Amino acid sequence: MKPDDFLIIISLLRDSSSIIRQRTYRKLAEHLRDPTCPIELLAL
């Protein structure tokens, strides 16, 4: 993941509703726990 992608995710989290934020945090946490998971799955 490029630093620019991370900044985009952070800005989306800041601008989104709390429900979307919680779902995204959950997906990020799952991704960090499973390093074999491709980054594209975060967009699902």
C-alpha atoms as a PDB file:
ATOM      1  CA  MET A   1       0.000   0.000   0.000  1.00  0.00           C
ATOM      2  CA  LYS A   2       1.391   3.366  -1.022  1.00  0.00           C
ATOM      3  CA  PRO A   3       1.421   6.303   1.433  1.00  0.00           C
ATOM      4  CA  ASP A   4      -0.996   8.150  -0.862  1.00  0.00           C
ATOM      5  CA  ASP A   5      -3.488   5.287  -0.580  1.00  0.00           C
ATOM      6  CA  PHE A   6      -3.223   5.461   3.201  1.00  0.00           C
ATOM      7  CA  LEU A   7      -3.895   9.211   3.169  1.00  0.00           C
ATOM      8  CA  ILE A   8      -6.948   8.660   0.954  1.00  0.00           C
ATOM      9  CA  ILE A   9      -8.272   6.023   3.358  1.00  0.00           C
ATOM     10  CA  ILE A  10      -7.707   8.346   6.324  1.00  0.00           C
ATOM     11  CA  SER A  11      -9.535  11.211   4.607  1.00  0.00           C
ATOM     12  CA  LEU A  12     -12.424   8.898   3.695  1.00  0.00           C
ATOM     13  CA  LEU A  13     -12.663   7.732   7.300  1.00  0.00           C
ATOM     14  CA  ARG A  14     -12.708  11.336   8.480  1.00  0.00           C
ATOM     15  CA  ASP A  15     -15.471  12.324   6.028  1.00  0.00           C
ATOM     16  CA  SER A  16     -17.649   9.208   6.292  1.00  0.00           C
ATOM     17  CA  SER A  17     -20.400   8.307   8.711  1.00  0.00           C
ATOM     18  CA  SER A  18     -19.497   6.369  11.833  1.00  0.00           C
ATOM     19  CA  ILE A  19     -21.040   3.139  10.494  1.00  0.00           C
ATOM     20  CA  ILE A  20     -18.852   3.193   7.379  1.00  0.00           C
ATOM     21  CA  ARG A  21     -15.876   4.080   9.563  1.00  0.00           C
ATOM     22  CA  GLN A  22     -16.492   1.107  11.870  1.00  0.00           C
ATOM     23  CA  ARG A  23     -16.841  -1.279   8.925  1.00  0.00           C
ATOM     24  CA  THR A  24     -13.660   0.042   7.343  1.00  0.00           C
ATOM     25  CA  TYR A  25     -11.718  -0.219  10.606  1.00  0.00           C
ATOM     26  CA  ARG A  26     -12.940  -3.816  10.944  1.00  0.00           C
ATOM     27  CA  LYS A  27     -11.791  -4.657   7.403  1.00  0.00           C
ATOM     28  CA  LEU A  28      -8.437  -2.974   7.984  1.00  0.00           C
ATOM     29  CA  ALA A  29      -7.980  -4.909  11.229  1.00  0.00           C
ATOM     30  CA  GLU A  30      -8.805  -8.188   9.482  1.00  0.00           C
ATOM     31  CA  HIS A  31      -6.381  -7.309   6.680  1.00  0.00           C
ATOM     32  CA  LEU A  32      -3.586  -6.518   9.130  1.00  0.00           C
ATOM     33  CA  ARG A  33      -4.203  -9.820  10.922  1.00  0.00           C
ATOM     34  CA  ASP A  34      -4.027 -11.748   7.614  1.00  0.00           C
ATOM     35  CA  PRO A  35      -0.971 -10.580   5.623  1.00  0.00           C
ATOM     36  CA  THR A  36      -1.834 -12.938   2.737  1.00  0.00           C
ATOM     37  CA  CYS A  37      -5.072 -11.038   2.120  1.00  0.00           C
ATOM     38  CA  PRO A  38      -4.822  -8.883  -1.038  1.00  0.00           C
ATOM     39  CA  ILE A  39      -5.373  -5.147  -0.576  1.00  0.00           C
ATOM     40  CA  GLU A  40      -8.215  -5.222  -3.133  1.00  0.00           C
ATOM     41  CA  LEU A  41     -10.442  -7.047  -0.636  1.00  0.00           C
ATOM     42  CA  LEU A  42     -10.594  -3.847   1.422  1.00  0.00           C
ATOM     43  CA  ALA A  43     -12.675  -2.308  -1.353  1.00  0.00           C
ATOM     44  CA  LEU A  44     -15.384  -4.989  -1.092  1.00  0.00           C
END
